[in-house]
Amino acid sequence: MNQQTPKAPAKSARRRSRELALQGIYQWRLTGADMAQVEKQMREEKNLGNYDAKFFSALLRGVLARHDDLQAAVTPHLDRPLDELSPVEFSVLLLAAYELLQHPEIPYRVIINEAVELTKTFGGTDGHKFVNGVLDKLAAQVRAVEVAAK
């Protein structure tokens, strides 16, 4: 009998774009490289897979251009100083905060779920729980009508 292991569903182009943007934000956080340099290096990588180039670019550029505002939006919901977050948690929170604030067409639950999945993939053991809690509070603040309508 020939048994095949079921394949995991293919990642959506948007999920892959978020992964790449996360990696770019992470790189920027650790190296201090400028936005154009980070984006160029990300695009030159081999095996980028199926991703939405416009969405990736919009996310990466948007987060890096507004990082001060995004940090200010996230900070009141943290239980520790921003500089004590792991680079992955920091990067995921900025990415998701950007989407919550700048992409009202994307449901807040989708944004939080994507952030949790990114943290599960790239972060520490329980980092996704922390990210989920922070983003729930931020969503309740910046998307109060949408959250109340759930």
N, C-alpha and C. Protein backbone atom coordinates (compact mmCIF):
# COMPACT_ATOMS: atom_id res chain seq x y z
N MET A 1 0.84 -1.17 0.00
CA MET A 1 0.00 0.00 0.00
C MET A 1 0.88 1.24 0.00
N ASN A 2 0.60 2.15 -0.87
CA ASN A 2 1.40 3.36 -1.00
C ASN A 2 0.75 4.50 -0.22
N GLN A 3 1.37 4.86 0.89
CA GLN A 3 0.83 5.95 1.70
C GLN A 3 1.68 7.19 1.49
N GLN A 4 0.99 8.28 1.26
CA GLN A 4 1.70 9.55 1.12
C GLN A 4 1.33 10.44 2.29
N THR A 5 2.33 11.17 2.73
CA THR A 5 2.05 12.12 3.79
C THR A 5 1.32 13.31 3.18
N PRO A 6 0.27 13.76 3.84
CA PRO A 6 -0.43 14.91 3.29
C PRO A 6 0.47 16.14 3.29
N LYS A 7 0.40 16.88 2.22
CA LYS A 7 1.22 18.09 2.12
C LYS A 7 0.54 19.22 2.88
N ALA A 8 1.38 20.04 3.48
CA ALA A 8 0.84 21.24 4.12
C ALA A 8 0.33 22.16 3.03
N PRO A 9 -0.74 22.89 3.30
CA PRO A 9 -1.24 23.79 2.27
C PRO A 9 -0.18 24.84 1.92
N ALA A 10 -0.14 25.21 0.67
CA ALA A 10 0.83 26.21 0.23
C ALA A 10 0.53 27.54 0.90
N LYS A 11 1.59 28.26 1.24
CA LYS A 11 1.41 29.57 1.84
C LYS A 11 0.84 30.52 0.80
N SER A 12 0.00 31.41 1.26
CA SER A 12 -0.52 32.42 0.34
C SER A 12 0.60 33.40 0.03
N ALA A 13 0.46 34.09 -1.08
CA ALA A 13 1.45 35.09 -1.49
C ALA A 13 1.53 36.20 -0.44
N ARG A 14 0.40 36.52 0.18
CA ARG A 14 0.39 37.57 1.21
C ARG A 14 1.13 37.10 2.46
N ARG A 15 0.93 35.84 2.88
CA ARG A 15 1.65 35.33 4.05
C ARG A 15 3.15 35.37 3.78
N ARG A 16 3.56 34.94 2.59
CA ARG A 16 4.98 34.96 2.25
C ARG A 16 5.51 36.39 2.23
N SER A 17 4.70 37.33 1.76
CA SER A 17 5.11 38.74 1.76
C SER A 17 5.33 39.24 3.18
N ARG A 18 4.45 38.83 4.09
CA ARG A 18 4.60 39.21 5.50
C ARG A 18 5.88 38.60 6.08
N GLU A 19 6.16 37.35 5.74
CA GLU A 19 7.39 36.71 6.22
C GLU A 19 8.62 37.49 5.76
N LEU A 20 8.62 37.85 4.49
CA LEU A 20 9.77 38.58 3.95
C LEU A 20 9.88 39.97 4.57
N ALA A 21 8.75 40.65 4.75
CA ALA A 21 8.77 41.96 5.40
C ALA A 21 9.29 41.83 6.83
N LEU A 22 8.84 40.79 7.54
CA LEU A 22 9.32 40.55 8.90
C LEU A 22 10.83 40.37 8.91
N GLN A 23 11.34 39.60 7.98
CA GLN A 23 12.79 39.38 7.91
C GLN A 23 13.53 40.68 7.62
N GLY A 24 12.94 41.52 6.77
CA GLY A 24 13.55 42.81 6.47
C GLY A 24 13.55 43.74 7.69
N ILE A 25 12.44 43.77 8.42
CA ILE A 25 12.35 44.60 9.63
C ILE A 25 13.35 44.10 10.67
N TYR A 26 13.44 42.80 10.81
CA TYR A 26 14.40 42.18 11.74
C TYR A 26 15.82 42.60 11.35
N GLN A 27 16.13 42.51 10.07
CA GLN A 27 17.47 42.89 9.59
C GLN A 27 17.74 44.36 9.89
N TRP A 28 16.77 45.21 9.62
CA TRP A 28 16.91 46.65 9.89
C TRP A 28 17.16 46.88 11.38
N ARG A 29 16.42 46.19 12.23
CA ARG A 29 16.56 46.36 13.69
C ARG A 29 17.97 45.98 14.14
N LEU A 30 18.49 44.89 13.60
CA LEU A 30 19.80 44.41 14.06
C LEU A 30 20.97 45.15 13.43
N THR A 31 20.82 45.58 12.18
CA THR A 31 21.96 46.18 11.47
C THR A 31 21.90 47.70 11.37
N GLY A 32 20.70 48.26 11.47
CA GLY A 32 20.56 49.70 11.31
C GLY A 32 20.67 50.15 9.85
N ALA A 33 20.65 49.20 8.92
CA ALA A 33 20.74 49.53 7.49
C ALA A 33 19.52 50.36 7.08
N ASP A 34 19.68 51.16 6.03
CA ASP A 34 18.54 51.98 5.60
C ASP A 34 17.55 51.16 4.79
N MET A 35 16.36 51.73 4.64
CA MET A 35 15.23 51.03 4.01
C MET A 35 15.58 50.50 2.62
N ALA A 36 16.16 51.33 1.78
CA ALA A 36 16.47 50.91 0.40
C ALA A 36 17.46 49.75 0.40
N GLN A 37 18.43 49.81 1.26
CA GLN A 37 19.44 48.76 1.35
C GLN A 37 18.82 47.44 1.80
N VAL A 38 17.96 47.50 2.81
CA VAL A 38 17.30 46.29 3.31
C VAL A 38 16.42 45.69 2.21
N GLU A 39 15.62 46.53 1.56
CA GLU A 39 14.73 46.02 0.51
C GLU A 39 15.52 45.40 -0.64
N LYS A 40 16.59 46.04 -1.04
CA LYS A 40 17.43 45.52 -2.12
C LYS A 40 18.00 44.15 -1.74
N GLN A 41 18.51 44.03 -0.54
CA GLN A 41 19.07 42.75 -0.10
C GLN A 41 18.00 41.66 -0.04
N MET A 42 16.82 42.02 0.43
CA MET A 42 15.73 41.04 0.50
C MET A 42 15.36 40.55 -0.90
N ARG A 43 15.24 41.46 -1.84
CA ARG A 43 14.85 41.09 -3.20
C ARG A 43 15.93 40.27 -3.92
N GLU A 44 17.18 40.42 -3.51
CA GLU A 44 18.27 39.68 -4.15
C GLU A 44 18.42 38.25 -3.63
N GLU A 45 17.70 37.94 -2.54
CA GLU A 45 17.76 36.59 -1.98
C GLU A 45 17.23 35.58 -2.99
N LYS A 46 17.81 34.40 -2.96
CA LYS A 46 17.30 33.31 -3.79
C LYS A 46 16.14 32.66 -3.04
N ASN A 47 15.32 31.96 -3.76
CA ASN A 47 14.20 31.21 -3.17
C ASN A 47 13.24 32.08 -2.36
N LEU A 48 12.85 33.19 -2.93
CA LEU A 48 11.87 34.03 -2.25
C LEU A 48 10.49 33.38 -2.25
N GLY A 49 10.28 32.48 -3.19
CA GLY A 49 8.99 31.79 -3.25
C GLY A 49 7.92 32.68 -3.86
N ASN A 50 6.69 32.22 -3.72
CA ASN A 50 5.55 32.94 -4.26
C ASN A 50 5.15 34.04 -3.29
N TYR A 51 5.40 35.29 -3.67
CA TYR A 51 5.04 36.40 -2.81
C TYR A 51 4.50 37.55 -3.65
N ASP A 52 3.77 38.44 -3.00
CA ASP A 52 3.20 39.62 -3.63
C ASP A 52 4.21 40.75 -3.45
N ALA A 53 4.95 41.06 -4.50
CA ALA A 53 6.04 42.02 -4.42
C ALA A 53 5.56 43.41 -3.99
N LYS A 54 4.40 43.83 -4.48
CA LYS A 54 3.89 45.15 -4.11
C LYS A 54 3.51 45.20 -2.64
N PHE A 55 2.86 44.15 -2.15
CA PHE A 55 2.45 44.09 -0.75
C PHE A 55 3.68 44.04 0.15
N PHE A 56 4.66 43.23 -0.21
CA PHE A 56 5.92 43.14 0.54
C PHE A 56 6.56 44.52 0.65
N SER A 57 6.70 45.19 -0.48
CA SER A 57 7.34 46.50 -0.50
C SER A 57 6.57 47.52 0.33
N ALA A 58 5.24 47.50 0.20
CA ALA A 58 4.41 48.44 0.97
C ALA A 58 4.56 48.19 2.46
N LEU A 59 4.58 46.93 2.87
CA LEU A 59 4.74 46.62 4.30
C LEU A 59 6.11 47.05 4.81
N LEU A 60 7.15 46.64 4.13
CA LEU A 60 8.50 46.96 4.58
C LEU A 60 8.72 48.46 4.62
N ARG A 61 8.41 49.14 3.54
CA ARG A 61 8.62 50.59 3.49
C ARG A 61 7.74 51.31 4.50
N GLY A 62 6.50 50.86 4.62
CA GLY A 62 5.57 51.50 5.55
C GLY A 62 6.04 51.39 6.99
N VAL A 63 6.46 50.20 7.39
CA VAL A 63 6.92 49.99 8.77
C VAL A 63 8.18 50.81 9.04
N LEU A 64 9.14 50.74 8.15
CA LEU A 64 10.40 51.44 8.39
C LEU A 64 10.23 52.96 8.36
N ALA A 65 9.34 53.45 7.51
CA ALA A 65 9.11 54.89 7.44
C ALA A 65 8.36 55.41 8.67
N ARG A 66 7.55 54.56 9.29
CA ARG A 66 6.71 55.00 10.41
C ARG A 66 7.08 54.32 11.73
N HIS A 67 8.28 53.80 11.82
CA HIS A 67 8.63 52.99 13.00
C HIS A 67 8.47 53.75 14.31
N ASP A 68 8.76 55.04 14.35
CA ASP A 68 8.59 55.78 15.60
C ASP A 68 7.13 55.83 16.03
N ASP A 69 6.23 56.11 15.10
CA ASP A 69 4.80 56.15 15.41
C ASP A 69 4.28 54.77 15.81
N LEU A 70 4.77 53.73 15.13
CA LEU A 70 4.33 52.37 15.44
C LEU A 70 4.81 51.95 16.84
N GLN A 71 6.03 52.31 17.15
CA GLN A 71 6.54 52.00 18.49
C GLN A 71 5.71 52.73 19.56
N ALA A 72 5.36 53.97 19.28
CA ALA A 72 4.54 54.75 20.23
C ALA A 72 3.15 54.12 20.39
N ALA A 73 2.60 53.55 19.33
CA ALA A 73 1.28 52.92 19.40
C ALA A 73 1.32 51.62 20.20
N VAL A 74 2.41 50.88 20.10
CA VAL A 74 2.53 49.58 20.75
C VAL A 74 2.95 49.69 22.22
N THR A 75 3.81 50.64 22.52
CA THR A 75 4.42 50.75 23.85
C THR A 75 3.44 50.74 25.02
N PRO A 76 2.32 51.46 24.97
CA PRO A 76 1.41 51.45 26.13
C PRO A 76 0.82 50.07 26.46
N HIS A 77 0.90 49.15 25.54
CA HIS A 77 0.31 47.82 25.73
C HIS A 77 1.33 46.76 26.13
N LEU A 78 2.56 47.18 26.34
CA LEU A 78 3.64 46.25 26.69
C LEU A 78 3.77 46.11 28.20
N ASP A 79 4.27 44.96 28.62
CA ASP A 79 4.52 44.72 30.04
C ASP A 79 6.00 44.87 30.39
N ARG A 80 6.77 45.34 29.43
CA ARG A 80 8.22 45.56 29.62
C ARG A 80 8.67 46.62 28.63
N PRO A 81 9.86 47.17 28.84
CA PRO A 81 10.35 48.19 27.89
C PRO A 81 10.53 47.60 26.48
N LEU A 82 10.30 48.43 25.50
CA LEU A 82 10.40 48.03 24.10
C LEU A 82 11.75 47.40 23.77
N ASP A 83 12.81 47.96 24.32
CA ASP A 83 14.15 47.43 24.00
C ASP A 83 14.45 46.09 24.65
N GLU A 84 13.53 45.60 25.50
CA GLU A 84 13.71 44.27 26.09
C GLU A 84 12.98 43.18 25.31
N LEU A 85 12.23 43.56 24.28
CA LEU A 85 11.56 42.56 23.45
C LEU A 85 12.57 41.83 22.59
N SER A 86 12.27 40.59 22.26
CA SER A 86 13.14 39.88 21.32
C SER A 86 13.03 40.59 19.98
N PRO A 87 14.05 40.50 19.13
CA PRO A 87 13.95 41.14 17.82
C PRO A 87 12.77 40.63 16.99
N VAL A 88 12.40 39.36 17.17
CA VAL A 88 11.27 38.81 16.42
C VAL A 88 9.97 39.43 16.93
N GLU A 89 9.76 39.44 18.25
CA GLU A 89 8.54 40.03 18.80
C GLU A 89 8.43 41.50 18.41
N PHE A 90 9.53 42.22 18.53
CA PHE A 90 9.56 43.64 18.15
C PHE A 90 9.14 43.81 16.70
N SER A 91 9.73 43.03 15.82
CA SER A 91 9.46 43.15 14.38
C SER A 91 8.02 42.77 14.04
N VAL A 92 7.51 41.70 14.64
CA VAL A 92 6.13 41.28 14.39
C VAL A 92 5.16 42.34 14.89
N LEU A 93 5.41 42.89 16.06
CA LEU A 93 4.51 43.91 16.60
C LEU A 93 4.47 45.15 15.73
N LEU A 94 5.62 45.58 15.22
CA LEU A 94 5.62 46.75 14.33
C LEU A 94 4.88 46.45 13.04
N LEU A 95 5.11 45.28 12.48
CA LEU A 95 4.44 44.89 11.24
C LEU A 95 2.93 44.86 11.43
N ALA A 96 2.47 44.20 12.48
CA ALA A 96 1.03 44.10 12.71
C ALA A 96 0.42 45.45 13.07
N ALA A 97 1.14 46.25 13.85
CA ALA A 97 0.63 47.59 14.18
C ALA A 97 0.46 48.41 12.91
N TYR A 98 1.42 48.31 12.01
CA TYR A 98 1.31 49.02 10.73
C TYR A 98 0.05 48.59 9.98
N GLU A 99 -0.17 47.28 9.91
CA GLU A 99 -1.36 46.80 9.19
C GLU A 99 -2.64 47.25 9.88
N LEU A 100 -2.67 47.18 11.21
CA LEU A 100 -3.88 47.61 11.93
C LEU A 100 -4.18 49.09 11.68
N LEU A 101 -3.14 49.90 11.63
CA LEU A 101 -3.33 51.34 11.47
C LEU A 101 -3.49 51.79 10.02
N GLN A 102 -2.83 51.12 9.09
CA GLN A 102 -2.78 51.61 7.71
C GLN A 102 -3.58 50.77 6.71
N HIS A 103 -4.06 49.62 7.12
CA HIS A 103 -4.80 48.76 6.18
C HIS A 103 -6.16 48.36 6.76
N PRO A 104 -7.09 49.32 6.83
CA PRO A 104 -8.41 49.02 7.41
C PRO A 104 -9.20 48.01 6.58
N GLU A 105 -8.80 47.79 5.33
CA GLU A 105 -9.49 46.81 4.49
C GLU A 105 -9.18 45.37 4.90
N ILE A 106 -8.14 45.17 5.70
CA ILE A 106 -7.78 43.84 6.18
C ILE A 106 -8.40 43.69 7.57
N PRO A 107 -9.26 42.69 7.77
CA PRO A 107 -9.88 42.51 9.10
C PRO A 107 -8.83 42.36 10.20
N TYR A 108 -9.10 42.98 11.35
CA TYR A 108 -8.12 42.95 12.44
C TYR A 108 -7.81 41.52 12.88
N ARG A 109 -8.79 40.63 12.82
CA ARG A 109 -8.55 39.24 13.23
C ARG A 109 -7.54 38.55 12.30
N VAL A 110 -7.59 38.88 11.02
CA VAL A 110 -6.63 38.32 10.06
C VAL A 110 -5.23 38.81 10.40
N ILE A 111 -5.12 40.10 10.69
CA ILE A 111 -3.81 40.68 11.01
C ILE A 111 -3.23 40.03 12.26
N ILE A 112 -4.05 39.90 13.29
CA ILE A 112 -3.56 39.29 14.54
C ILE A 112 -3.20 37.83 14.32
N ASN A 113 -4.02 37.09 13.58
CA ASN A 113 -3.72 35.69 13.30
C ASN A 113 -2.41 35.54 12.53
N GLU A 114 -2.22 36.38 11.54
CA GLU A 114 -0.97 36.32 10.76
C GLU A 114 0.23 36.62 11.67
N ALA A 115 0.09 37.60 12.55
CA ALA A 115 1.18 37.96 13.46
C ALA A 115 1.49 36.80 14.41
N VAL A 116 0.46 36.16 14.91
CA VAL A 116 0.65 35.01 15.81
C VAL A 116 1.37 33.88 15.06
N GLU A 117 0.95 33.61 13.83
CA GLU A 117 1.59 32.55 13.04
C GLU A 117 3.05 32.88 12.75
N LEU A 118 3.35 34.13 12.43
CA LEU A 118 4.74 34.54 12.19
C LEU A 118 5.57 34.34 13.46
N THR A 119 5.00 34.69 14.61
CA THR A 119 5.73 34.55 15.86
C THR A 119 5.94 33.08 16.21
N LYS A 120 4.95 32.25 15.93
CA LYS A 120 5.12 30.81 16.17
C LYS A 120 6.24 30.26 15.29
N THR A 121 6.32 30.73 14.05
CA THR A 121 7.33 30.23 13.12
C THR A 121 8.73 30.73 13.45
N PHE A 122 8.86 32.02 13.76
CA PHE A 122 10.18 32.62 13.89
C PHE A 122 10.58 32.98 15.32
N GLY A 123 9.63 32.99 16.24
CA GLY A 123 9.91 33.48 17.59
C GLY A 123 10.16 32.39 18.61
N GLY A 124 10.22 32.82 19.85
CA GLY A 124 10.45 31.92 20.97
C GLY A 124 9.20 31.12 21.30
N THR A 125 9.34 30.24 22.28
CA THR A 125 8.29 29.28 22.64
C THR A 125 6.93 29.92 22.88
N ASP A 126 6.84 30.89 23.77
CA ASP A 126 5.55 31.48 24.09
C ASP A 126 5.40 32.91 23.57
N GLY A 127 6.26 33.31 22.68
CA GLY A 127 6.21 34.67 22.14
C GLY A 127 4.88 34.99 21.48
N HIS A 128 4.26 33.98 20.87
CA HIS A 128 2.99 34.22 20.18
C HIS A 128 1.89 34.64 21.15
N LYS A 129 1.93 34.14 22.38
CA LYS A 129 0.92 34.52 23.38
C LYS A 129 1.07 35.99 23.75
N PHE A 130 2.31 36.42 23.92
CA PHE A 130 2.59 37.82 24.23
C PHE A 130 2.14 38.73 23.09
N VAL A 131 2.52 38.37 21.87
CA VAL A 131 2.15 39.16 20.68
C VAL A 131 0.63 39.23 20.55
N ASN A 132 -0.05 38.12 20.76
CA ASN A 132 -1.51 38.09 20.67
C ASN A 132 -2.13 39.06 21.68
N GLY A 133 -1.65 39.03 22.92
CA GLY A 133 -2.19 39.90 23.96
C GLY A 133 -2.00 41.37 23.66
N VAL A 134 -0.80 41.72 23.20
CA VAL A 134 -0.51 43.13 22.88
C VAL A 134 -1.38 43.59 21.71
N LEU A 135 -1.49 42.77 20.68
CA LEU A 135 -2.27 43.16 19.50
C LEU A 135 -3.77 43.21 19.78
N ASP A 136 -4.26 42.35 20.67
CA ASP A 136 -5.68 42.43 21.07
C ASP A 136 -5.96 43.80 21.68
N LYS A 137 -5.07 44.26 22.55
CA LYS A 137 -5.25 45.56 23.20
C LYS A 137 -5.14 46.70 22.20
N LEU A 138 -4.17 46.60 21.30
CA LEU A 138 -4.01 47.65 20.29
C LEU A 138 -5.21 47.70 19.36
N ALA A 139 -5.70 46.55 18.93
CA ALA A 139 -6.86 46.50 18.04
C ALA A 139 -8.08 47.11 18.72
N ALA A 140 -8.26 46.82 20.01
CA ALA A 140 -9.41 47.38 20.73
C ALA A 140 -9.33 48.90 20.78
N GLN A 141 -8.12 49.42 20.76
CA GLN A 141 -7.93 50.87 20.79
C GLN A 141 -8.08 51.50 19.41
N VAL A 142 -7.42 50.95 18.40
CA VAL A 142 -7.38 51.61 17.08
C VAL A 142 -8.48 51.15 16.14
N ARG A 143 -9.14 50.06 16.47
CA ARG A 143 -10.25 49.56 15.65
C ARG A 143 -11.45 49.22 16.53
N ALA A 144 -11.75 50.13 17.42
CA ALA A 144 -12.78 49.89 18.44
C ALA A 144 -14.12 49.46 17.83
N VAL A 145 -14.54 50.10 16.75
CA VAL A 145 -15.85 49.78 16.14
C VAL A 145 -15.83 48.36 15.59
N GLU A 146 -14.76 48.02 14.89
CA GLU A 146 -14.66 46.68 14.31
C GLU A 146 -14.59 45.61 15.40
N VAL A 147 -13.82 45.86 16.46
CA VAL A 147 -13.69 44.90 17.56
C VAL A 147 -15.02 44.74 18.28
N ALA A 148 -15.72 45.84 18.51
CA ALA A 148 -17.01 45.79 19.21
C ALA A 148 -18.06 45.03 18.40
N ALA A 149 -17.94 45.05 17.07
CA ALA A 149 -18.92 44.41 16.20
C ALA A 149 -18.72 42.90 16.10
N LYS A 150 -17.63 42.38 16.65
CA LYS A 150 -17.36 40.94 16.52
C LYS A 150 -18.45 40.17 17.15
